[in-house]
N, C-alpha and C. Protein backbone atom coordinates (compact mmCIF):
# COMPACT_ATOMS: atom_id res chain seq x y z
N MET A 1 0.82 -1.18 0.00
CA MET A 1 0.00 0.00 0.00
C MET A 1 0.86 1.24 0.00
N GLY A 2 0.51 2.11 -0.84
CA GLY A 2 1.27 3.34 -0.95
C GLY A 2 0.45 4.53 -0.51
N ARG A 3 1.03 5.62 -0.79
CA ARG A 3 0.31 6.84 -0.46
C ARG A 3 -0.83 7.04 -1.43
N PRO A 4 -1.93 7.66 -0.96
CA PRO A 4 -3.04 7.89 -1.90
C PRO A 4 -2.64 8.91 -2.94
N GLY A 5 -3.20 8.77 -4.08
CA GLY A 5 -2.89 9.70 -5.15
C GLY A 5 -3.62 11.03 -4.97
N LEU A 6 -3.46 11.88 -5.94
CA LEU A 6 -4.05 13.21 -5.90
C LEU A 6 -5.57 13.12 -5.87
N VAL A 7 -6.15 12.24 -6.64
CA VAL A 7 -7.60 12.09 -6.68
C VAL A 7 -8.11 11.56 -5.33
N GLY A 8 -7.39 10.63 -4.75
CA GLY A 8 -7.78 10.08 -3.46
C GLY A 8 -7.76 11.14 -2.36
N MET A 9 -6.73 11.99 -2.36
CA MET A 9 -6.65 13.05 -1.36
C MET A 9 -7.77 14.08 -1.57
N ALA A 10 -8.06 14.39 -2.83
CA ALA A 10 -9.13 15.34 -3.11
C ALA A 10 -10.48 14.77 -2.67
N ALA A 11 -10.69 13.49 -2.88
CA ALA A 11 -11.94 12.85 -2.48
C ALA A 11 -12.07 12.85 -0.96
N ARG A 12 -10.99 12.52 -0.26
CA ARG A 12 -11.01 12.51 1.19
C ARG A 12 -11.29 13.92 1.71
N THR A 13 -10.68 14.93 1.15
CA THR A 13 -10.90 16.32 1.55
C THR A 13 -12.35 16.72 1.32
N ALA A 14 -12.92 16.29 0.19
CA ALA A 14 -14.31 16.61 -0.12
C ALA A 14 -15.25 15.96 0.89
N VAL A 15 -14.98 14.72 1.28
CA VAL A 15 -15.83 14.03 2.26
C VAL A 15 -15.75 14.72 3.61
N VAL A 16 -14.54 15.07 4.03
CA VAL A 16 -14.37 15.75 5.33
C VAL A 16 -15.07 17.11 5.30
N ALA A 17 -14.91 17.85 4.22
CA ALA A 17 -15.54 19.18 4.12
C ALA A 17 -17.06 19.05 4.08
N GLY A 18 -17.56 18.08 3.35
CA GLY A 18 -19.02 17.88 3.29
C GLY A 18 -19.60 17.49 4.64
N THR A 19 -18.87 16.62 5.36
CA THR A 19 -19.34 16.22 6.68
C THR A 19 -19.33 17.42 7.63
N ALA A 20 -18.29 18.22 7.59
CA ALA A 20 -18.20 19.40 8.44
C ALA A 20 -19.32 20.38 8.12
N THR A 21 -19.62 20.56 6.86
CA THR A 21 -20.69 21.47 6.46
C THR A 21 -22.04 20.96 6.94
N ALA A 22 -22.26 19.66 6.81
CA ALA A 22 -23.53 19.08 7.25
C ALA A 22 -23.70 19.21 8.76
N VAL A 23 -22.65 18.96 9.51
CA VAL A 23 -22.71 19.06 10.96
C VAL A 23 -22.94 20.50 11.39
N SER A 24 -22.21 21.43 10.80
CA SER A 24 -22.38 22.84 11.20
C SER A 24 -23.76 23.35 10.78
N GLY A 25 -24.28 22.90 9.64
CA GLY A 25 -25.63 23.29 9.21
C GLY A 25 -26.68 22.77 10.18
N GLY A 26 -26.50 21.53 10.64
CA GLY A 26 -27.44 20.96 11.61
C GLY A 26 -27.39 21.70 12.94
N MET A 27 -26.20 22.04 13.37
CA MET A 27 -26.07 22.78 14.62
C MET A 27 -26.69 24.16 14.50
N ARG A 28 -26.44 24.82 13.37
CA ARG A 28 -27.00 26.16 13.14
C ARG A 28 -28.53 26.09 13.14
N SER A 29 -29.07 25.06 12.50
CA SER A 29 -30.52 24.89 12.46
C SER A 29 -31.08 24.64 13.86
N ARG A 30 -30.42 23.81 14.63
CA ARG A 30 -30.87 23.51 15.99
C ARG A 30 -30.81 24.76 16.87
N GLN A 31 -29.74 25.55 16.73
CA GLN A 31 -29.62 26.79 17.50
C GLN A 31 -30.69 27.80 17.08
N ALA A 32 -30.99 27.87 15.80
CA ALA A 32 -32.03 28.78 15.33
C ALA A 32 -33.40 28.36 15.86
N ASN A 33 -33.66 27.06 15.90
CA ASN A 33 -34.92 26.58 16.45
C ASN A 33 -35.04 26.91 17.94
N LYS A 34 -33.95 26.74 18.68
CA LYS A 34 -33.97 27.08 20.10
C LYS A 34 -34.21 28.57 20.30
N ALA A 35 -33.57 29.40 19.48
CA ALA A 35 -33.74 30.85 19.59
C ALA A 35 -35.19 31.23 19.26
N ASN A 36 -35.76 30.60 18.23
CA ASN A 36 -37.16 30.88 17.88
C ASN A 36 -38.11 30.47 19.00
N GLN A 37 -37.86 29.32 19.60
CA GLN A 37 -38.72 28.87 20.70
C GLN A 37 -38.61 29.81 21.90
N ALA A 38 -37.40 30.26 22.18
CA ALA A 38 -37.22 31.19 23.30
C ALA A 38 -37.92 32.52 23.01
N ALA A 39 -37.82 33.00 21.78
CA ALA A 39 -38.47 34.26 21.41
C ALA A 39 -39.99 34.12 21.47
N GLU A 40 -40.51 32.99 21.02
CA GLU A 40 -41.96 32.76 21.08
C GLU A 40 -42.43 32.68 22.53
N ALA A 41 -41.66 32.02 23.37
CA ALA A 41 -42.04 31.92 24.79
C ALA A 41 -42.02 33.29 25.44
N GLN A 42 -41.02 34.09 25.12
CA GLN A 42 -40.92 35.43 25.68
C GLN A 42 -42.07 36.31 25.17
N ALA A 43 -42.41 36.19 23.90
CA ALA A 43 -43.51 36.97 23.35
C ALA A 43 -44.84 36.55 23.98
N TRP A 44 -45.02 35.26 24.20
CA TRP A 44 -46.25 34.77 24.83
C TRP A 44 -46.35 35.29 26.26
N GLU A 45 -45.23 35.26 26.98
CA GLU A 45 -45.23 35.75 28.36
C GLU A 45 -45.52 37.25 28.39
N ALA A 46 -44.94 38.01 27.47
CA ALA A 46 -45.21 39.44 27.41
C ALA A 46 -46.67 39.70 27.08
N GLN A 47 -47.23 38.88 26.20
CA GLN A 47 -48.64 39.02 25.84
C GLN A 47 -49.53 38.73 27.05
N GLN A 48 -49.17 37.72 27.83
CA GLN A 48 -49.95 37.39 29.03
C GLN A 48 -49.86 38.52 30.06
N GLN A 49 -48.67 39.09 30.22
CA GLN A 49 -48.51 40.20 31.15
C GLN A 49 -49.32 41.41 30.69
N GLN A 50 -49.31 41.68 29.39
CA GLN A 50 -50.07 42.80 28.86
C GLN A 50 -51.56 42.58 29.06
N ALA A 51 -52.03 41.35 28.85
CA ALA A 51 -53.44 41.05 29.06
C ALA A 51 -53.82 41.23 30.52
N ALA A 52 -52.94 40.83 31.43
CA ALA A 52 -53.21 41.01 32.86
C ALA A 52 -53.24 42.49 33.22
N MET A 53 -52.32 43.27 32.65
CA MET A 53 -52.31 44.71 32.91
C MET A 53 -53.55 45.37 32.34
N ASP A 54 -53.98 44.96 31.15
CA ASP A 54 -55.20 45.51 30.56
C ASP A 54 -56.42 45.18 31.41
N ALA A 55 -56.47 43.96 31.92
CA ALA A 55 -57.60 43.56 32.77
C ALA A 55 -57.60 44.36 34.07
N ALA A 56 -56.43 44.57 34.65
CA ALA A 56 -56.34 45.36 35.88
C ALA A 56 -56.73 46.81 35.63
N ALA A 57 -56.32 47.36 34.49
CA ALA A 57 -56.69 48.73 34.16
C ALA A 57 -58.19 48.85 33.93
N ALA A 58 -58.78 47.87 33.26
CA ALA A 58 -60.22 47.88 33.04
C ALA A 58 -60.97 47.76 34.36
N GLN A 59 -60.46 46.94 35.26
CA GLN A 59 -61.09 46.81 36.58
C GLN A 59 -60.98 48.11 37.36
N ALA A 60 -59.83 48.77 37.28
CA ALA A 60 -59.65 50.04 37.98
C ALA A 60 -60.60 51.10 37.42
N VAL A 61 -60.76 51.13 36.10
CA VAL A 61 -61.69 52.07 35.49
C VAL A 61 -63.12 51.74 35.91
N ALA A 62 -63.46 50.46 35.93
CA ALA A 62 -64.80 50.06 36.33
C ALA A 62 -65.07 50.43 37.79
N ASN A 63 -64.07 50.29 38.64
CA ASN A 63 -64.23 50.66 40.04
C ASN A 63 -64.31 52.17 40.22
N ALA A 64 -63.65 52.93 39.37
CA ALA A 64 -63.63 54.38 39.50
C ALA A 64 -64.88 55.01 38.91
N GLN A 65 -65.50 54.40 37.93
CA GLN A 65 -66.65 55.02 37.26
C GLN A 65 -67.85 55.20 38.17
N PRO A 66 -68.22 54.26 39.04
CA PRO A 66 -69.37 54.54 39.91
C PRO A 66 -69.13 55.72 40.84
N ALA A 67 -67.89 55.99 41.20
CA ALA A 67 -67.60 57.11 42.08
C ALA A 67 -67.73 58.44 41.35
N ALA A 68 -67.53 58.48 40.05
CA ALA A 68 -67.57 59.74 39.31
C ALA A 68 -68.96 60.36 39.28
N PRO A 69 -70.04 59.62 38.98
CA PRO A 69 -71.35 60.27 38.97
C PRO A 69 -71.77 60.78 40.34
N VAL A 70 -71.36 60.11 41.40
CA VAL A 70 -71.71 60.56 42.73
C VAL A 70 -70.98 61.85 43.05
N ALA A 71 -69.72 61.96 42.64
CA ALA A 71 -68.93 63.14 42.98
C ALA A 71 -69.15 64.28 42.01
N ALA A 72 -69.50 64.02 40.75
CA ALA A 72 -69.61 65.06 39.75
C ALA A 72 -70.77 66.01 39.99
N PRO A 73 -72.00 65.55 40.26
CA PRO A 73 -73.07 66.52 40.48
C PRO A 73 -72.84 67.24 41.80
N ALA A 74 -72.79 68.54 41.72
CA ALA A 74 -72.52 69.33 42.91
C ALA A 74 -73.73 70.18 43.24
N ALA A 75 -74.09 70.18 44.50
CA ALA A 75 -75.20 71.02 44.94
C ALA A 75 -74.71 72.45 45.05
N PRO A 76 -75.61 73.41 44.87
CA PRO A 76 -75.18 74.81 45.00
C PRO A 76 -74.61 75.05 46.38
N ALA A 77 -73.46 75.68 46.41
CA ALA A 77 -72.78 75.91 47.68
C ALA A 77 -73.32 77.16 48.34
N SER A 78 -73.47 77.08 49.64
CA SER A 78 -73.97 78.24 50.36
C SER A 78 -72.83 79.05 50.95
N GLY A 79 -71.73 78.39 51.29
CA GLY A 79 -70.60 79.09 51.90
C GLY A 79 -69.39 79.04 51.00
N GLY A 80 -68.43 79.92 51.25
CA GLY A 80 -67.23 80.00 50.44
C GLY A 80 -66.34 78.79 50.62
N SER A 81 -66.26 78.24 51.83
CA SER A 81 -65.38 77.09 52.06
C SER A 81 -65.94 75.84 51.37
N ASP A 82 -67.29 75.71 51.31
CA ASP A 82 -67.89 74.59 50.61
C ASP A 82 -67.58 74.66 49.12
N LEU A 83 -67.63 75.87 48.58
CA LEU A 83 -67.33 76.06 47.16
C LEU A 83 -65.88 75.67 46.86
N MET A 84 -64.96 76.06 47.74
CA MET A 84 -63.56 75.70 47.55
C MET A 84 -63.36 74.19 47.65
N ALA A 85 -64.07 73.57 48.56
CA ALA A 85 -63.96 72.11 48.72
C ALA A 85 -64.47 71.41 47.47
N GLU A 86 -65.59 71.89 46.94
CA GLU A 86 -66.15 71.29 45.72
C GLU A 86 -65.20 71.49 44.53
N LEU A 87 -64.63 72.67 44.39
CA LEU A 87 -63.69 72.93 43.29
C LEU A 87 -62.44 72.07 43.44
N THR A 88 -61.97 71.92 44.65
CA THR A 88 -60.80 71.07 44.90
C THR A 88 -61.10 69.62 44.55
N GLN A 89 -62.31 69.16 44.92
CA GLN A 89 -62.70 67.79 44.61
C GLN A 89 -62.80 67.60 43.10
N LEU A 90 -63.38 68.58 42.40
CA LEU A 90 -63.46 68.50 40.93
C LEU A 90 -62.07 68.45 40.32
N ALA A 91 -61.17 69.29 40.82
CA ALA A 91 -59.80 69.31 40.29
C ALA A 91 -59.11 67.97 40.51
N THR A 92 -59.36 67.38 41.66
CA THR A 92 -58.76 66.07 41.95
C THR A 92 -59.30 65.00 40.99
N LEU A 93 -60.61 64.99 40.78
CA LEU A 93 -61.20 64.02 39.85
C LEU A 93 -60.68 64.24 38.43
N HIS A 94 -60.50 65.49 38.06
CA HIS A 94 -59.99 65.80 36.72
C HIS A 94 -58.54 65.34 36.58
N SER A 95 -57.72 65.59 37.59
CA SER A 95 -56.31 65.21 37.50
C SER A 95 -56.14 63.69 37.53
N GLN A 96 -57.08 62.97 38.15
CA GLN A 96 -57.01 61.51 38.17
C GLN A 96 -57.52 60.90 36.87
N GLY A 97 -58.12 61.73 36.01
CA GLY A 97 -58.61 61.24 34.73
C GLY A 97 -60.03 60.71 34.81
N ILE A 98 -60.69 60.89 35.94
CA ILE A 98 -62.06 60.42 36.07
C ILE A 98 -63.00 61.33 35.31
N LEU A 99 -62.72 62.65 35.36
CA LEU A 99 -63.51 63.62 34.61
C LEU A 99 -62.70 64.07 33.39
N SER A 100 -63.37 64.17 32.24
CA SER A 100 -62.70 64.69 31.05
C SER A 100 -62.64 66.22 31.16
N ASP A 101 -61.94 66.84 30.21
CA ASP A 101 -61.82 68.30 30.22
C ASP A 101 -63.19 68.96 30.12
N SER A 102 -64.04 68.43 29.23
CA SER A 102 -65.35 69.05 29.04
C SER A 102 -66.24 68.84 30.27
N GLU A 103 -66.18 67.66 30.89
CA GLU A 103 -66.97 67.41 32.10
C GLU A 103 -66.50 68.31 33.24
N PHE A 104 -65.19 68.48 33.35
CA PHE A 104 -64.64 69.33 34.39
C PHE A 104 -65.09 70.78 34.19
N ALA A 105 -65.00 71.26 32.95
CA ALA A 105 -65.39 72.63 32.66
C ALA A 105 -66.88 72.85 32.93
N ALA A 106 -67.72 71.89 32.57
CA ALA A 106 -69.15 72.02 32.81
C ALA A 106 -69.47 72.03 34.29
N ALA A 107 -68.86 71.12 35.05
CA ALA A 107 -69.10 71.07 36.49
C ALA A 107 -68.61 72.33 37.19
N LYS A 108 -67.45 72.84 36.74
CA LYS A 108 -66.91 74.05 37.34
C LYS A 108 -67.81 75.25 37.04
N ALA A 109 -68.28 75.32 35.80
CA ALA A 109 -69.19 76.42 35.44
C ALA A 109 -70.48 76.33 36.23
N LYS A 110 -70.97 75.14 36.46
CA LYS A 110 -72.20 74.96 37.25
C LYS A 110 -71.98 75.41 38.69
N LEU A 111 -70.81 75.08 39.25
CA LEU A 111 -70.52 75.52 40.61
C LEU A 111 -70.37 77.03 40.73
N LEU A 112 -69.74 77.63 39.77
CA LEU A 112 -69.46 79.06 39.83
C LEU A 112 -70.67 79.91 39.41
N ALA A 113 -71.67 79.29 38.81
CA ALA A 113 -72.84 80.05 38.36
C ALA A 113 -73.75 80.43 39.50
């Protein structure tokens, strides 16, 4: 047995290179699949957190809405300190976002009239 010829060495090199390419391609594919699964899991978790936050915000709005009609109608004030208390309460409701700008302006005009 002698040394392999030029064709034999080229064939051996081609087999080694092909095997290396196949192995690295498989590894790259496996790593890409793992990365996709991790990204999907993270996106699903973020979606669940967002849904929970949306539900909590909707619950907070639902809890705040019954308080707004009770606080918004103001009886005519007889004293100056009552008027200031009513205006302060309206300002608080407006700053909390319970009253819109137009509702706040209407309630304030009603109090000052």
